[in-house]
Amino acid sequence: TGFFDVLGIRDLDMVNSTGLCRFGWMKTMTVDIMLELVECVTGFKYNKQDSFFFALRSFTARHMFGYREGYTRDKFTISPVLCGIPALKDGPIADYPSVDVQRLTDNLYNILGYKWDGTPLKDSLELMGGMQYVIDYLYPKQ
C-alpha cells in the first residue's frame, strides 16, 4: 500500500465527483477522460497534478463527516475472512498469507498525511488547499 492506493483514491473520487460510477468504466476510463468529465461537471479545467489534490480534498471532506461523528480508526472493522483468517485450504489463493490490515491502514494514513487515528495533519490540509473549514475544526486558534 501507499502511493498507488492514493492514485486509486484519486481515480475513484474523480469519477465520483462527476456523479458516475467507476465500476463500469474500470478498464476504459483514463485520467484524461476523468479530467474531461470533471471539467464538464464543475466548469473548471484540472491538470493531472490538480486532479490529485482535487480528489484528496474530496476524500478528506467525506472522511471528515465520519470523523466528526466519532467514527475513527478504532471503530473500523473488517471481517477476518476478508483478511485471510483462516487461510483458505482450496482454490487459487489457498494458503495465501493473511493481510495485516493495521499495517495497510498505517501505510495509507502515512501517505495521506493523516495521524494514526485518522486525523489529517494540518500541513497536509494546507498542502491540499481549500480545506480551511477542516483546519478550523481540527486546529482551532487558541
C-alpha atoms as a PDB file:
ATOM      1  CA  THR A   1       0.000   0.000   0.000  1.00  0.00           C
ATOM      2  CA  GLY A   2       0.984   3.606  -0.212  1.00  0.00           C
ATOM      3  CA  PHE A   3       1.202   5.895  -3.195  1.00  0.00           C
ATOM      4  CA  PHE A   4      -0.638   3.560  -5.582  1.00  0.00           C
ATOM      5  CA  ASP A   5      -3.557   3.447  -3.161  1.00  0.00           C
ATOM      6  CA  VAL A   6      -3.667   7.241  -3.249  1.00  0.00           C
ATOM      7  CA  LEU A   7      -3.775   7.077  -7.051  1.00  0.00           C
ATOM      8  CA  GLY A   8      -6.737   4.713  -6.658  1.00  0.00           C
ATOM      9  CA  ILE A   9      -8.384   7.243  -4.350  1.00  0.00           C
ATOM     10  CA  ARG A  10      -7.736   9.908  -6.965  1.00  0.00           C
ATOM     11  CA  ASP A  11      -9.325   7.841  -9.710  1.00  0.00           C
ATOM     12  CA  LEU A  12     -12.356   6.884  -7.632  1.00  0.00           C
ATOM     13  CA  ASP A  13     -13.010  10.370  -6.281  1.00  0.00           C
ATOM     14  CA  MET A  14     -12.583  11.988  -9.687  1.00  0.00           C
ATOM     15  CA  VAL A  15     -15.282   9.739 -11.135  1.00  0.00           C
ATOM     16  CA  ASN A  16     -17.494  10.041  -8.050  1.00  0.00           C
ATOM     17  CA  SER A  17     -17.365  13.823  -8.342  1.00  0.00           C
ATOM     18  CA  THR A  18     -18.977  13.584 -11.770  1.00  0.00           C
ATOM     19  CA  GLY A  19     -21.888  11.537 -10.441  1.00  0.00           C
ATOM     20  CA  LEU A  20     -20.835   8.468 -12.425  1.00  0.00           C
ATOM     21  CA  CYS A  21     -19.920   5.015 -11.176  1.00  0.00           C
ATOM     22  CA  ARG A  22     -16.399   3.874 -11.955  1.00  0.00           C
ATOM     23  CA  PHE A  23     -17.360   0.215 -11.688  1.00  0.00           C
ATOM     24  CA  GLY A  24     -18.484   0.004 -15.306  1.00  0.00           C
ATOM     25  CA  TRP A  25     -15.545   2.045 -16.582  1.00  0.00           C
ATOM     26  CA  MET A  26     -12.625   0.424 -14.760  1.00  0.00           C
ATOM     27  CA  LYS A  27     -10.821  -0.813 -17.869  1.00  0.00           C
ATOM     28  CA  THR A  28     -11.538   2.079 -20.208  1.00  0.00           C
ATOM     29  CA  MET A  29     -11.515   5.296 -18.199  1.00  0.00           C
ATOM     30  CA  THR A  30      -8.186   7.082 -18.274  1.00  0.00           C
ATOM     31  CA  VAL A  31      -7.150  10.033 -16.136  1.00  0.00           C
ATOM     32  CA  ASP A  32      -7.546  12.266 -19.195  1.00  0.00           C
ATOM     33  CA  ILE A  33     -11.166  11.131 -19.653  1.00  0.00           C
ATOM     34  CA  MET A  34     -11.814  11.691 -15.948  1.00  0.00           C
ATOM     35  CA  LEU A  35     -10.392  15.207 -16.202  1.00  0.00           C
ATOM     36  CA  GLU A  36     -12.688  15.956 -19.147  1.00  0.00           C
ATOM     37  CA  LEU A  37     -15.724  14.699 -17.244  1.00  0.00           C
ATOM     38  CA  VAL A  38     -14.841  16.738 -14.154  1.00  0.00           C
ATOM     39  CA  GLU A  39     -14.472  19.830 -16.327  1.00  0.00           C
ATOM     40  CA  CYS A  40     -17.911  19.176 -17.837  1.00  0.00           C
ATOM     41  CA  VAL A  41     -19.487  18.910 -14.379  1.00  0.00           C
ATOM     42  CA  THR A  42     -17.591  21.610 -12.480  1.00  0.00           C
ATOM     43  CA  GLY A  43     -16.700  24.033 -15.251  1.00  0.00           C
ATOM     44  CA  PHE A  44     -13.089  24.011 -14.035  1.00  0.00           C
ATOM     45  CA  LYS A  45     -10.169  22.661 -16.025  1.00  0.00           C
ATOM     46  CA  TYR A  46      -7.822  20.464 -13.982  1.00  0.00           C
ATOM     47  CA  ASN A  47      -4.441  19.049 -14.944  1.00  0.00           C
ATOM     48  CA  LYS A  48      -3.125  15.772 -13.511  1.00  0.00           C
ATOM     49  CA  GLN A  49      -1.446  17.480 -10.560  1.00  0.00           C
ATOM     50  CA  ASP A  50      -4.587  19.462  -9.783  1.00  0.00           C
ATOM     51  CA  SER A  51      -6.648  16.278 -10.021  1.00  0.00           C
ATOM     52  CA  PHE A  52      -4.553  14.710  -7.299  1.00  0.00           C
ATOM     53  CA  PHE A  53      -5.362  17.488  -4.823  1.00  0.00           C
ATOM     54  CA  PHE A  54      -8.968  17.746  -6.038  1.00  0.00           C
ATOM     55  CA  ALA A  55      -9.503  14.081  -5.193  1.00  0.00           C
ATOM     56  CA  LEU A  56      -7.661  14.292  -1.867  1.00  0.00           C
ATOM     57  CA  ARG A  57      -9.896  17.207  -0.860  1.00  0.00           C
ATOM     58  CA  SER A  58     -12.965  15.184  -1.832  1.00  0.00           C
ATOM     59  CA  PHE A  59     -11.768  12.090   0.043  1.00  0.00           C
ATOM     60  CA  THR A  60     -10.769  14.102   3.112  1.00  0.00           C
ATOM     61  CA  ALA A  61     -14.030  16.057   3.208  1.00  0.00           C
ATOM     62  CA  ARG A  62     -16.006  12.792   3.064  1.00  0.00           C
ATOM     63  CA  HIS A  63     -13.716  11.244   5.689  1.00  0.00           C
ATOM     64  CA  MET A  64     -14.285  14.213   7.991  1.00  0.00           C
ATOM     65  CA  PHE A  65     -18.055  13.644   8.127  1.00  0.00           C
ATOM     66  CA  GLY A  66     -17.466  10.316   9.848  1.00  0.00           C
ATOM     67  CA  TYR A  67     -14.573  11.655  11.896  1.00  0.00           C
ATOM     68  CA  ARG A  68     -16.719  14.496  13.233  1.00  0.00           C
ATOM     69  CA  GLU A  69     -19.300  11.936  14.368  1.00  0.00           C
ATOM     70  CA  GLY A  70     -16.673   9.885  16.212  1.00  0.00           C
ATOM     71  CA  TYR A  71     -16.005   7.298  13.503  1.00  0.00           C
ATOM     72  CA  THR A  72     -12.264   6.977  13.967  1.00  0.00           C
ATOM     73  CA  ARG A  73      -9.827   4.193  13.260  1.00  0.00           C
ATOM     74  CA  ASP A  74     -10.555   2.348  16.495  1.00  0.00           C
ATOM     75  CA  LYS A  75     -14.131   1.844  15.245  1.00  0.00           C
ATOM     76  CA  PHE A  76     -13.169   0.422  11.828  1.00  0.00           C
ATOM     77  CA  THR A  77     -13.904  -3.266  11.435  1.00  0.00           C
ATOM     78  CA  ILE A  78     -13.278  -5.765   8.686  1.00  0.00           C
ATOM     79  CA  SER A  79     -14.199  -9.413   8.592  1.00  0.00           C
ATOM     80  CA  PRO A  80     -11.241 -11.680   9.408  1.00  0.00           C
ATOM     81  CA  VAL A  81     -12.267 -13.830   6.429  1.00  0.00           C
ATOM     82  CA  LEU A  82     -11.530 -10.912   4.084  1.00  0.00           C
ATOM     83  CA  CYS A  83      -8.050 -10.741   5.624  1.00  0.00           C
ATOM     84  CA  GLY A  84      -7.382 -14.422   5.000  1.00  0.00           C
ATOM     85  CA  ILE A  85      -8.087 -15.639   8.526  1.00  0.00           C
ATOM     86  CA  PRO A  86      -8.370 -18.547   8.474  1.00  0.00           C
ATOM     87  CA  ALA A  87      -6.391 -19.166   5.292  1.00  0.00           C
ATOM     88  CA  LEU A  88      -8.354 -20.898   2.551  1.00  0.00           C
ATOM     89  CA  LYS A  89      -7.407 -24.532   2.049  1.00  0.00           C
ATOM     90  CA  ASP A  90      -8.583 -24.803  -1.579  1.00  0.00           C
ATOM     91  CA  GLY A  91      -8.651 -22.610  -4.661  1.00  0.00           C
ATOM     92  CA  PRO A  92      -6.276 -20.150  -6.331  1.00  0.00           C
ATOM     93  CA  ILE A  93      -5.390 -18.346  -3.090  1.00  0.00           C
ATOM     94  CA  ALA A  94      -5.135 -21.419  -0.864  1.00  0.00           C
ATOM     95  CA  ASP A  95      -2.694 -20.907   1.995  1.00  0.00           C
ATOM     96  CA  TYR A  96      -2.124 -17.302   0.919  1.00  0.00           C
ATOM     97  CA  PRO A  97      -0.729 -15.301   3.848  1.00  0.00           C
ATOM     98  CA  SER A  98      -3.172 -13.219   5.847  1.00  0.00           C
ATOM     99  CA  VAL A  99      -3.432  -9.463   5.360  1.00  0.00           C
ATOM    100  CA  ASP A 100      -2.188  -7.132   8.092  1.00  0.00           C
ATOM    101  CA  VAL A 101      -4.980  -4.553   7.938  1.00  0.00           C
ATOM    102  CA  GLN A 102      -3.408  -2.367  10.630  1.00  0.00           C
ATOM    103  CA  ARG A 103      -0.182  -2.115   8.639  1.00  0.00           C
ATOM    104  CA  LEU A 104      -2.085  -1.325   5.442  1.00  0.00           C
ATOM    105  CA  THR A 105      -4.028   1.385   7.289  1.00  0.00           C
ATOM    106  CA  ASP A 106      -0.785   2.790   8.723  1.00  0.00           C
ATOM    107  CA  ASN A 107       0.697   2.965   5.222  1.00  0.00           C
ATOM    108  CA  LEU A 108      -2.352   4.672   3.744  1.00  0.00           C
ATOM    109  CA  TYR A 109      -2.700   7.206   6.550  1.00  0.00           C
ATOM    110  CA  ASN A 110       1.013   7.949   6.345  1.00  0.00           C
ATOM    111  CA  ILE A 111       0.948   8.667   2.612  1.00  0.00           C
ATOM    112  CA  LEU A 112      -2.247  10.733   3.011  1.00  0.00           C
ATOM    113  CA  GLY A 113      -0.629  12.804   5.762  1.00  0.00           C
ATOM    114  CA  TYR A 114      -3.025  11.634   8.474  1.00  0.00           C
ATOM    115  CA  LYS A 115      -2.218  10.834  12.097  1.00  0.00           C
ATOM    116  CA  TRP A 116      -2.558   7.255  13.356  1.00  0.00           C
ATOM    117  CA  ASP A 117      -6.203   7.787  14.360  1.00  0.00           C
ATOM    118  CA  GLY A 118      -7.234   9.268  11.006  1.00  0.00           C
ATOM    119  CA  THR A 119      -6.845  12.946  11.876  1.00  0.00           C
ATOM    120  CA  PRO A 120      -5.476  14.824   8.855  1.00  0.00           C
ATOM    121  CA  LEU A 121      -2.301  16.735   9.701  1.00  0.00           C
ATOM    122  CA  LYS A 122      -2.586  20.499   9.418  1.00  0.00           C
ATOM    123  CA  ASP A 123       0.331  20.607   6.954  1.00  0.00           C
ATOM    124  CA  SER A 124      -1.428  18.076   4.709  1.00  0.00           C
ATOM    125  CA  LEU A 125      -4.650  20.065   4.755  1.00  0.00           C
ATOM    126  CA  GLU A 126      -2.788  23.247   3.882  1.00  0.00           C
ATOM    127  CA  LEU A 127      -0.988  21.467   1.019  1.00  0.00           C
ATOM    128  CA  MET A 128      -4.313  20.226  -0.415  1.00  0.00           C
ATOM    129  CA  GLY A 129      -5.745  23.720  -0.342  1.00  0.00           C
ATOM    130  CA  GLY A 130      -9.407  24.566   0.072  1.00  0.00           C
ATOM    131  CA  MET A 131      -9.637  22.834   3.452  1.00  0.00           C
ATOM    132  CA  GLN A 132      -9.773  25.840   5.765  1.00  0.00           C
ATOM    133  CA  TYR A 133     -13.070  24.715   7.330  1.00  0.00           C
ATOM    134  CA  VAL A 134     -11.444  21.395   8.311  1.00  0.00           C
ATOM    135  CA  ILE A 135      -8.334  23.172   9.622  1.00  0.00           C
ATOM    136  CA  ASP A 136     -10.506  25.456  11.736  1.00  0.00           C
ATOM    137  CA  TYR A 137     -12.440  22.461  13.094  1.00  0.00           C
ATOM    138  CA  LEU A 138      -9.397  20.325  13.920  1.00  0.00           C
ATOM    139  CA  TYR A 139      -6.950  23.044  14.873  1.00  0.00           C
ATOM    140  CA  PRO A 140      -8.903  25.950  16.395  1.00  0.00           C
ATOM    141  CA  LYS A 141      -6.941  29.085  17.168  1.00  0.00           C
ATOM    142  CA  GLN A 142      -6.222  29.349  20.881  1.00  0.00           C
END
